[in-house]
N, C-alpha and C. Protein backbone atom coordinates (compact mmCIF):
# COMPACT_ATOMS: atom_id res chain seq x y z
N MET A 1 0.80 -1.10 0.07
CA MET A 1 -0.08 0.05 0.07
C MET A 1 0.80 1.23 0.04
N LEU A 2 0.41 2.25 -0.95
CA LEU A 2 1.28 3.13 -0.89
C LEU A 2 0.69 4.57 -0.07
N VAL A 3 1.22 5.13 0.72
CA VAL A 3 0.88 6.19 1.63
C VAL A 3 1.67 7.42 1.61
N SER A 4 0.92 8.75 1.31
CA SER A 4 1.48 9.84 1.25
C SER A 4 1.36 10.69 2.61
N VAL A 5 2.15 11.09 3.37
CA VAL A 5 2.34 11.80 4.72
C VAL A 5 1.95 13.55 4.54
N THR A 6 0.81 13.74 5.27
CA THR A 6 0.33 15.10 5.05
C THR A 6 0.83 15.89 6.27
N GLY A 7 1.17 15.36 7.74
CA GLY A 7 1.62 15.89 8.74
C GLY A 7 1.74 14.55 9.59
N PHE A 8 2.19 14.93 11.00
CA PHE A 8 2.50 14.02 12.02
C PHE A 8 1.65 14.61 13.25
N GLY A 9 1.65 13.48 14.36
CA GLY A 9 1.01 13.46 15.69
C GLY A 9 1.99 14.47 16.57
N SER A 10 1.58 14.85 17.61
CA SER A 10 2.55 15.60 18.51
C SER A 10 3.42 14.92 19.19
N VAL A 11 3.36 13.46 19.39
CA VAL A 11 4.19 12.64 20.37
C VAL A 11 5.12 11.76 19.36
N TRP A 12 6.08 12.05 19.84
CA TRP A 12 7.29 11.07 19.07
C TRP A 12 8.22 10.25 20.05
N ARG A 13 8.42 8.93 19.94
CA ARG A 13 9.01 8.22 20.62
C ARG A 13 10.16 7.47 19.89
N HIS A 14 11.14 6.82 20.61
CA HIS A 14 12.15 6.03 19.78
C HIS A 14 12.62 5.01 20.62
N ARG A 15 13.22 3.98 19.76
CA ARG A 15 13.92 2.72 20.49
C ARG A 15 14.82 2.62 19.53
N PHE A 16 16.13 2.60 20.01
CA PHE A 16 17.56 2.02 19.69
C PHE A 16 17.84 0.60 19.88
N GLY A 17 18.66 0.07 18.96
CA GLY A 17 19.01 -1.39 19.14
C GLY A 17 19.91 -1.67 20.70
N ASN A 18 20.49 -2.59 20.96
CA ASN A 18 21.13 -2.96 22.42
C ASN A 18 22.39 -2.33 22.58
N THR A 19 22.72 -1.48 23.48
CA THR A 19 23.97 -0.60 23.63
C THR A 19 25.05 -1.33 23.07
N ASP A 20 25.32 -2.88 23.12
CA ASP A 20 26.38 -3.45 22.61
C ASP A 20 26.38 -3.60 20.95
N ASP A 21 25.67 -2.96 20.24
CA ASP A 21 25.44 -3.26 19.08
C ASP A 21 26.10 -2.03 18.38
N ALA A 22 27.11 -2.22 17.35
CA ALA A 22 27.70 -1.05 16.82
C ALA A 22 26.82 -0.35 15.83
N HIS A 23 25.68 -1.03 15.54
CA HIS A 23 24.62 -0.65 14.25
C HIS A 23 23.78 -0.16 15.06
N ARG A 24 23.46 0.17 16.24
CA ARG A 24 21.92 0.13 16.95
C ARG A 24 21.48 1.58 16.39
N PHE A 25 21.97 2.81 15.87
CA PHE A 25 21.37 3.69 15.70
C PHE A 25 20.90 3.44 13.94
N SER A 26 21.45 2.93 13.24
CA SER A 26 20.94 2.59 11.94
C SER A 26 19.53 1.77 12.08
N ARG A 27 19.55 1.02 13.32
CA ARG A 27 18.46 0.12 13.50
C ARG A 27 17.35 0.60 14.36
N ALA A 28 17.31 1.88 14.46
CA ALA A 28 16.52 2.86 15.23
C ALA A 28 14.99 2.75 14.61
N VAL A 29 14.27 2.84 15.44
CA VAL A 29 12.51 2.66 15.25
C VAL A 29 12.01 4.04 16.02
N TYR A 30 11.17 4.65 15.39
CA TYR A 30 10.56 5.98 15.71
C TYR A 30 9.18 5.93 15.66
N TYR A 31 8.47 6.17 16.30
CA TYR A 31 6.85 6.12 16.40
C TYR A 31 6.29 7.71 16.64
N ASN A 32 5.22 7.63 15.98
CA ASN A 32 4.49 9.19 16.06
C ASN A 32 2.95 8.47 16.31
N THR A 33 2.57 9.39 17.44
CA THR A 33 1.42 9.14 17.81
C THR A 33 0.45 10.52 18.35
N THR A 34 -0.55 10.43 18.57
CA THR A 34 -1.32 11.67 19.06
C THR A 34 -1.05 12.23 20.62
N GLY A 35 -1.25 13.40 20.67
CA GLY A 35 -1.17 14.18 22.13
C GLY A 35 -1.92 15.64 22.05
N VAL A 36 -1.95 15.85 23.28
CA VAL A 36 -2.68 17.30 23.53
C VAL A 36 -1.76 18.02 24.65
N VAL A 37 -1.95 19.45 24.42
CA VAL A 37 -1.19 19.72 25.36
C VAL A 37 -1.98 20.13 26.99
N VAL A 38 -1.43 19.64 27.85
CA VAL A 38 -1.80 19.62 29.17
C VAL A 38 -1.12 20.35 30.13
N GLU A 39 -1.13 21.25 31.04
CA GLU A 39 -0.27 21.81 31.94
C GLU A 39 1.14 22.32 31.10
N ASP A 40 0.83 23.07 30.16
CA ASP A 40 2.15 23.47 29.08
C ASP A 40 3.18 22.18 28.71
N LYS A 41 2.52 20.90 28.51
CA LYS A 41 3.56 19.87 28.17
C LYS A 41 2.54 19.34 27.30
N VAL A 42 3.11 18.60 26.13
CA VAL A 42 2.41 17.56 25.25
C VAL A 42 2.22 16.32 25.70
N ARG A 43 0.71 15.85 26.21
CA ARG A 43 0.80 14.61 26.81
C ARG A 43 0.07 13.83 25.86
N GLN A 44 0.11 12.36 26.19
CA GLN A 44 -0.97 11.53 25.24
C GLN A 44 -2.27 11.28 26.44
N ARG A 45 -3.31 11.79 25.76
CA ARG A 45 -4.65 11.53 26.51
C ARG A 45 -5.29 10.56 25.39
N THR A 46 -4.76 9.36 25.41
CA THR A 46 -5.35 8.39 24.52
C THR A 46 -6.52 7.92 24.90
N ARG A 47 -7.70 8.09 23.65
CA ARG A 47 -8.78 7.46 23.85
C ARG A 47 -8.87 6.20 23.20
N ILE A 48 -7.97 6.29 22.00
CA ILE A 48 -7.80 5.36 20.86
C ILE A 48 -6.52 5.18 20.61
N CYS A 49 -5.81 4.13 21.04
CA CYS A 49 -4.45 3.90 21.03
C CYS A 49 -4.01 3.48 19.61
N GLY A 50 -3.22 4.16 19.18
CA GLY A 50 -2.42 3.70 17.91
C GLY A 50 -1.08 4.39 17.60
N TYR A 51 -0.42 3.98 16.72
CA TYR A 51 0.93 4.86 16.20
C TYR A 51 1.41 4.48 14.66
N ALA A 52 2.16 5.24 14.16
CA ALA A 52 2.77 5.16 12.76
C ALA A 52 4.31 4.75 13.32
N ARG A 53 4.88 3.93 12.70
CA ARG A 53 6.23 3.36 13.06
C ARG A 53 7.05 3.60 11.83
N PHE A 54 8.36 4.06 12.12
CA PHE A 54 8.91 4.52 10.97
C PHE A 54 10.44 4.03 11.20
N ASP A 55 10.52 3.13 10.56
CA ASP A 55 12.31 2.20 10.80
C ASP A 55 13.32 3.31 10.24
N ALA A 56 14.49 3.35 10.98
CA ALA A 56 15.69 4.26 9.81
C ALA A 56 15.81 3.91 8.88
N VAL A 57 15.83 2.74 8.43
CA VAL A 57 15.99 1.97 6.89
C VAL A 57 14.95 2.53 5.88
N SER A 58 13.88 3.09 6.44
CA SER A 58 12.72 3.63 5.54
C SER A 58 12.98 4.75 4.75
N GLY A 59 14.28 5.47 5.20
CA GLY A 59 14.34 6.79 4.69
C GLY A 59 13.96 8.01 5.44
N PHE A 60 13.04 7.58 6.41
CA PHE A 60 12.68 8.73 7.38
C PHE A 60 13.85 9.08 8.16
N ASN A 61 14.17 10.58 8.34
CA ASN A 61 15.42 11.11 9.20
C ASN A 61 14.77 11.96 10.48
N PRO A 62 14.68 11.72 11.56
CA PRO A 62 14.15 12.04 12.49
C PRO A 62 14.75 13.49 12.97
N ASN A 63 15.92 13.52 12.30
CA ASN A 63 16.66 15.24 12.60
C ASN A 63 15.54 16.23 11.52
N PHE A 64 14.79 15.75 10.74
CA PHE A 64 14.41 16.17 9.63
C PHE A 64 12.74 15.88 9.46
N PRO A 65 12.29 15.65 10.20
CA PRO A 65 10.78 15.22 9.92
C PRO A 65 9.80 15.80 8.92
N SER A 66 10.05 17.19 8.96
CA SER A 66 9.34 18.00 7.98
C SER A 66 9.72 17.49 6.36
N ARG A 67 10.56 16.99 6.06
CA ARG A 67 11.42 16.39 4.95
C ARG A 67 10.50 15.12 4.32
N THR A 68 9.59 14.69 5.27
CA THR A 68 8.93 13.56 4.97
C THR A 68 7.42 13.77 4.59
N ILE A 69 7.00 15.21 4.83
CA ILE A 69 5.66 15.78 4.42
C ILE A 69 5.77 15.69 2.70
N ASN A 70 4.25 15.06 2.59
CA ASN A 70 4.24 15.16 1.10
C ASN A 70 4.97 14.11 0.49
N ARG A 71 5.60 13.17 1.12
CA ARG A 71 6.40 12.12 0.49
C ARG A 71 5.44 10.84 0.38
N VAL A 72 5.88 9.84 -0.14
CA VAL A 72 5.10 8.58 -0.35
C VAL A 72 5.73 7.37 -0.08
N PHE A 73 5.45 6.72 0.74
CA PHE A 73 5.87 5.55 1.45
C PHE A 73 5.33 4.32 1.08
N GLU A 74 6.00 3.04 0.83
CA GLU A 74 5.43 2.00 0.95
C GLU A 74 5.14 1.39 2.45
N CYS A 75 3.70 1.05 2.56
CA CYS A 75 3.33 0.87 4.10
C CYS A 75 2.94 -0.54 4.07
N GLY A 76 2.91 -1.35 5.25
CA GLY A 76 2.40 -2.38 5.47
C GLY A 76 0.80 -2.08 5.53
N GLU A 77 -0.12 -3.00 5.48
CA GLU A 77 -1.42 -2.66 5.87
C GLU A 77 -1.67 -2.35 7.24
N PRO A 78 -2.71 -1.46 7.58
CA PRO A 78 -2.87 -1.11 9.01
C PRO A 78 -3.14 -2.56 9.56
N SER A 79 -2.77 -2.30 11.15
CA SER A 79 -2.91 -3.68 11.71
C SER A 79 -3.61 -3.16 13.06
N VAL A 80 -4.15 -4.25 13.88
CA VAL A 80 -4.47 -4.12 15.20
C VAL A 80 -3.58 -5.10 16.03
N GLY A 81 -2.72 -4.71 16.84
CA GLY A 81 -2.33 -5.78 17.68
C GLY A 81 -1.94 -5.43 19.02
N MET A 82 -2.17 -6.40 20.25
CA MET A 82 -2.01 -5.95 21.36
C MET A 82 -3.02 -4.83 21.93
N GLY A 83 -3.91 -4.64 21.59
CA GLY A 83 -4.76 -3.52 21.79
C GLY A 83 -4.39 -1.94 20.89
N HIS A 84 -3.46 -2.22 20.03
CA HIS A 84 -3.06 -0.90 19.23
C HIS A 84 -3.18 -0.77 18.10
N ASN A 85 -3.67 0.25 17.27
CA ASN A 85 -3.61 0.26 15.88
C ASN A 85 -2.47 0.51 15.47
N LYS A 86 -1.97 0.16 14.39
CA LYS A 86 -0.26 0.26 13.85
C LYS A 86 -0.71 0.34 12.71
N LEU A 87 0.52 1.16 12.00
CA LEU A 87 1.01 1.30 10.72
C LEU A 87 2.14 1.54 10.27
N LEU A 88 2.82 0.53 9.57
CA LEU A 88 4.57 0.46 9.59
C LEU A 88 4.65 1.09 8.04
N PHE A 89 5.66 2.45 8.31
CA PHE A 89 5.98 2.77 7.18
C PHE A 89 7.60 2.40 6.62
N LYS A 90 7.28 1.63 5.59
CA LYS A 90 8.72 0.44 5.35
C LYS A 90 9.66 0.83 4.50
N ARG A 91 9.09 1.79 3.04
CA ARG A 91 10.40 2.47 2.60
C ARG A 91 9.73 3.56 1.79
N MET A 92 10.31 4.87 1.78
CA MET A 92 10.01 6.26 1.19
C MET A 92 10.45 5.94 -0.47
N LEU A 93 9.44 5.96 -1.37
CA LEU A 93 9.54 6.31 -2.51
C LEU A 93 10.67 7.52 -3.08
N THR A 94 11.59 7.53 -3.97
CA THR A 94 12.35 8.50 -4.59
C THR A 94 11.44 9.21 -5.38
N ALA A 95 10.66 9.11 -6.19
CA ALA A 95 9.73 9.84 -6.88
C ALA A 95 8.39 10.08 -6.30
N GLY A 96 7.26 11.07 -6.71
CA GLY A 96 5.93 11.47 -6.11
C GLY A 96 5.47 10.41 -7.22
N GLU A 97 4.53 9.71 -6.45
CA GLU A 97 3.60 8.67 -7.06
C GLU A 97 2.20 8.88 -6.65
N PRO A 98 1.18 8.53 -7.24
CA PRO A 98 -0.37 8.83 -6.56
C PRO A 98 -0.29 7.63 -5.42
N PRO A 99 -0.87 8.03 -4.26
CA PRO A 99 -0.74 7.16 -3.24
C PRO A 99 -2.15 6.48 -2.92
N ASP A 100 -2.33 5.66 -2.43
CA ASP A 100 -3.46 4.72 -2.35
C ASP A 100 -4.29 5.49 -1.34
N CYS A 101 -3.65 5.83 0.02
CA CYS A 101 -4.40 7.10 0.82
C CYS A 101 -3.22 7.93 1.29
N PHE A 102 -4.01 8.36 2.34
CA PHE A 102 -2.88 9.62 3.01
C PHE A 102 -2.84 9.42 4.36
N PHE A 103 -1.68 9.74 5.13
CA PHE A 103 -1.58 9.69 6.39
C PHE A 103 -1.87 11.33 7.13
N VAL A 104 -2.94 11.43 7.65
CA VAL A 104 -3.74 12.94 8.05
C VAL A 104 -3.57 12.78 9.53
N VAL A 105 -3.29 14.26 10.04
CA VAL A 105 -3.34 14.46 11.41
C VAL A 105 -4.41 15.57 11.67
N VAL A 106 -5.99 15.46 12.30
CA VAL A 106 -6.55 16.48 12.36
C VAL A 106 -6.83 17.13 13.61
N ARG A 107 -6.69 18.32 13.84
CA ARG A 107 -6.81 19.07 15.10
C ARG A 107 -8.04 19.92 14.84
N PRO A 108 -8.55 20.58 16.05
CA PRO A 108 -9.86 21.29 16.09
C PRO A 108 -9.57 23.05 15.62
N GLU A 109 -8.28 23.34 15.73
CA GLU A 109 -8.03 24.42 14.98
C GLU A 109 -8.36 24.84 13.40
N LEU A 110 -8.45 23.69 12.86
CA LEU A 110 -8.81 23.61 11.39
C LEU A 110 -10.39 23.03 11.31
N THR A 111 -10.88 21.88 12.12
CA THR A 111 -12.31 21.60 11.55
C THR A 111 -13.18 21.95 12.69
N GLY A 112 -12.63 22.52 13.73
CA GLY A 112 -13.49 22.49 15.34
C GLY A 112 -13.36 20.73 15.64
N VAL A 113 -14.15 20.98 17.00
CA VAL A 113 -14.00 19.68 17.56
C VAL A 113 -14.87 18.41 16.81
N LEU A 114 -14.34 17.25 16.51
CA LEU A 114 -14.75 16.23 16.12
C LEU A 114 -15.44 15.36 16.93
N ALA A 115 -16.77 14.82 16.62
CA ALA A 115 -17.37 13.89 17.41
C ALA A 115 -17.16 12.73 17.26
N VAL A 116 -16.10 12.43 17.44
CA VAL A 116 -15.49 10.66 17.41
C VAL A 116 -16.06 9.76 17.92
N GLY A 117 -16.32 8.97 17.18
CA GLY A 117 -17.26 7.66 17.92
C GLY A 117 -18.42 8.02 17.35
N THR A 118 -19.29 8.84 16.96
CA THR A 118 -20.43 9.21 16.69
C THR A 118 -20.80 8.71 15.14
N ALA A 119 -22.07 8.14 14.95
CA ALA A 119 -22.32 8.01 13.56
C ALA A 119 -22.12 8.94 12.52
N GLY A 120 -21.61 8.83 11.52
CA GLY A 120 -21.27 9.68 10.56
C GLY A 120 -20.14 10.95 10.69
N TRP A 121 -19.35 10.70 11.90
CA TRP A 121 -18.26 11.83 12.09
C TRP A 121 -17.22 11.66 10.70
N ARG A 122 -16.82 10.39 10.16
CA ARG A 122 -16.10 10.12 9.28
C ARG A 122 -16.44 9.14 8.14
N SER A 123 -15.77 9.38 6.47
CA SER A 123 -16.25 8.72 5.83
C SER A 123 -16.18 7.35 6.13
N PRO A 124 -16.61 6.27 5.78
CA PRO A 124 -16.35 5.08 5.94
C PRO A 124 -15.30 4.08 5.49
N ASP A 125 -14.81 4.70 4.68
CA ASP A 125 -13.16 4.24 4.14
C ASP A 125 -12.27 4.98 4.88
N THR A 126 -12.43 5.96 5.88
CA THR A 126 -11.36 6.37 6.90
C THR A 126 -10.82 5.71 7.92
N TRP A 127 -9.94 5.23 7.95
CA TRP A 127 -9.33 4.53 9.32
C TRP A 127 -8.57 5.27 10.07
N LEU A 128 -9.20 5.06 11.58
CA LEU A 128 -8.86 5.78 12.82
C LEU A 128 -7.45 5.20 13.30
N LEU A 129 -6.43 6.07 13.44
CA LEU A 129 -5.13 5.08 13.90
C LEU A 129 -5.12 5.38 15.39
N SER A 130 -5.14 6.65 15.67
CA SER A 130 -4.99 7.31 16.86
C SER A 130 -5.72 8.46 17.39
N PHE A 131 -6.07 8.52 18.47
CA PHE A 131 -7.11 9.57 19.22
C PHE A 131 -6.93 10.06 20.42
N SER A 132 -6.41 11.34 20.80
CA SER A 132 -6.10 11.91 22.23
C SER A 132 -7.12 13.09 22.09
N GLU A 133 -7.53 13.27 23.87
CA GLU A 133 -8.42 14.11 23.68
C GLU A 133 -8.25 14.44 25.47
N CYS A 134 -8.64 16.05 25.51
CA CYS A 134 -8.42 16.47 26.98
C CYS A 134 -9.08 17.57 26.52
N ALA A 135 -10.40 18.01 27.52
CA ALA A 135 -11.29 19.38 27.38
C ALA A 135 -11.53 19.49 26.05
N GLN A 136 -11.50 20.43 25.63
CA GLN A 136 -11.44 20.88 23.76
C GLN A 136 -10.67 20.68 23.39
N GLN A 137 -9.52 19.81 23.57
CA GLN A 137 -8.34 19.78 22.69
C GLN A 137 -8.36 18.08 22.31
N GLN A 138 -8.05 18.29 20.94
CA GLN A 138 -8.25 17.03 20.10
C GLN A 138 -6.79 16.92 19.16
N GLU A 139 -6.42 15.58 19.22
CA GLU A 139 -5.47 15.21 17.88
C GLU A 139 -5.86 14.08 17.51
N VAL A 140 -6.34 13.71 16.15
CA VAL A 140 -6.68 12.56 15.53
C VAL A 140 -6.07 12.28 14.40
N MET A 141 -5.31 11.02 14.25
CA MET A 141 -4.47 10.48 13.22
C MET A 141 -5.14 9.41 12.43
N LEU A 142 -5.28 9.88 11.11
CA LEU A 142 -6.32 9.11 10.28
C LEU A 142 -5.33 8.64 9.03
N LEU A 143 -6.09 7.50 8.60
CA LEU A 143 -5.48 7.07 7.20
C LEU A 143 -6.71 7.18 6.31
N MET A 144 -6.65 8.24 5.21
CA MET A 144 -7.96 8.67 4.29
C MET A 144 -7.49 8.56 2.94
N PRO A 145 -8.41 8.15 2.16
CA PRO A 145 -8.40 7.90 0.58
C PRO A 145 -8.51 9.51 0.40
N ALA A 146 -8.06 9.51 -1.05
CA ALA A 146 -8.68 10.97 -1.57
C ALA A 146 -10.17 11.17 -1.57
N TYR A 147 -10.60 12.30 -1.17
CA TYR A 147 -11.84 12.37 -1.03
C TYR A 147 -12.57 11.84 0.15
N GLY A 148 -11.95 11.55 1.29
CA GLY A 148 -12.37 11.07 2.41
C GLY A 148 -12.79 12.04 3.26
N TRP A 149 -13.30 12.10 4.46
CA TRP A 149 -14.00 13.21 4.94
C TRP A 149 -14.23 12.97 6.34
N VAL A 150 -14.09 14.21 7.08
CA VAL A 150 -14.42 14.44 8.56
C VAL A 150 -15.34 15.36 8.70
N VAL A 151 -16.28 15.36 9.85
CA VAL A 151 -17.07 16.25 10.31
C VAL A 151 -17.04 16.77 11.30
N GLY A 152 -16.33 18.15 11.73
CA GLY A 152 -16.13 18.66 12.87
C GLY A 152 -17.44 19.89 12.76
N GLN A 153 -17.19 20.46 13.94
CA GLN A 153 -18.19 21.46 14.53
C GLN A 153 -18.47 22.52 13.57
N PHE A 154 -17.25 22.89 12.52
CA PHE A 154 -17.26 23.84 11.60
C PHE A 154 -17.79 23.46 10.24
N GLY A 155 -17.94 22.09 10.32
CA GLY A 155 -18.66 21.68 8.86
C GLY A 155 -17.93 20.01 8.36
N ARG A 156 -17.96 19.70 7.16
CA ARG A 156 -17.52 18.55 6.48
C ARG A 156 -16.20 19.11 5.75
N PHE A 157 -15.11 18.41 6.07
CA PHE A 157 -13.87 18.60 5.38
C PHE A 157 -13.80 17.46 4.53
N VAL A 158 -13.23 17.61 3.11
CA VAL A 158 -12.96 16.55 2.35
C VAL A 158 -11.35 16.75 2.06
N LEU A 159 -10.72 15.53 1.67
CA LEU A 159 -9.27 15.44 2.02
C LEU A 159 -9.28 15.86 0.24
N GLU A 160 -9.01 16.87 -0.22
CA GLU A 160 -8.53 16.96 -1.82
C GLU A 160 -7.14 16.90 -2.23
N PRO A 161 -6.84 15.98 -2.90
CA PRO A 161 -5.54 15.85 -3.68
C PRO A 161 -5.13 17.04 -4.65
N SER A 162 -4.04 17.20 -4.83
CA SER A 162 -3.83 18.35 -6.03
C SER A 162 -3.76 17.57 -7.27
N GLU A 163 -4.49 18.47 -8.23
CA GLU A 163 -4.23 17.75 -9.44
C GLU A 163 -2.71 17.61 -10.17
N ARG A 164 -2.22 18.65 -9.85
CA ARG A 164 -0.58 18.58 -10.46
C ARG A 164 0.16 17.55 -9.42
N ARG A 165 0.10 17.52 -8.44
CA ARG A 165 1.15 16.77 -7.70
C ARG A 165 -0.06 15.91 -6.41
N PRO A 166 -0.26 14.89 -7.07
CA PRO A 166 -1.39 13.81 -6.54
C PRO A 166 -1.21 13.21 -5.16
N TRP A 167 0.20 13.38 -4.83
CA TRP A 167 0.79 12.94 -3.67
C TRP A 167 0.40 13.47 -2.58
N THR A 168 0.13 14.96 -2.98
CA THR A 168 -0.35 16.00 -1.73
C THR A 168 -1.69 16.10 -1.76
N ALA A 169 -2.06 16.52 -0.82
CA ALA A 169 -3.51 16.66 -0.32
C ALA A 169 -3.78 17.55 0.69
N ARG A 170 -4.94 18.18 1.03
CA ARG A 170 -5.36 18.98 2.13
C ARG A 170 -6.67 18.80 2.57
N LEU A 171 -7.02 19.15 3.73
CA LEU A 171 -8.73 19.02 3.96
C LEU A 171 -9.20 20.51 3.80
N VAL A 172 -10.16 20.18 3.05
CA VAL A 172 -10.98 21.77 2.64
C VAL A 172 -12.48 21.54 2.93
N LEU A 173 -12.87 22.62 3.57
CA LEU A 173 -14.17 22.86 3.68
C LEU A 173 -15.09 22.59 2.96
N ASN A 174 -16.16 21.61 2.88
CA ASN A 174 -16.94 21.41 1.60
C ASN A 174 -18.04 22.18 2.07
N GLY A 175 -18.05 23.25 1.06
CA GLY A 175 -19.28 24.32 0.92
C GLY A 175 -20.61 23.83 0.61
N GLY A 176 -20.81 22.48 -0.08
CA GLY A 176 -22.11 22.29 -0.45
C GLY A 176 -22.94 21.81 0.98
N ASP A 177 -22.39 21.45 1.93
CA ASP A 177 -22.95 21.00 3.25
C ASP A 177 -23.71 22.18 3.98
């Protein structure tokens, strides 16, 4: 499955190999998930637990995560294991290619608060990877197809890919609703 990255969640974690391993940093694994600000610090306030996994060999550079935005990765199928939703980013493609779906992070600053879990809050072909919430703060990590949608308090937002660069997309308020 090909997935284009449009943004990241607020929480990053990493795991390195054994300290005895000379190649421990080249075998590093980086995990991205959702979080919200609580008492001036970003915290996980998990409602739905999940994460995206980037291996060091995938082409992901933790020193420059922004270089991964609008890049397409070969990914494993989304899965659920040990109570966590998971998505493995295996390998970054060298050229832009139309993806099967997009890795999207949604916050209330754009959409307003989402009624996560209620009927009709997202398109049926959108997969919820992770969700954190505290008070009126939310962060939702989704795997969305082109033209998938979410409904927030400001209306329905549709993920529209660029015609010239189909590996890029953004959530746009649907004026027809």
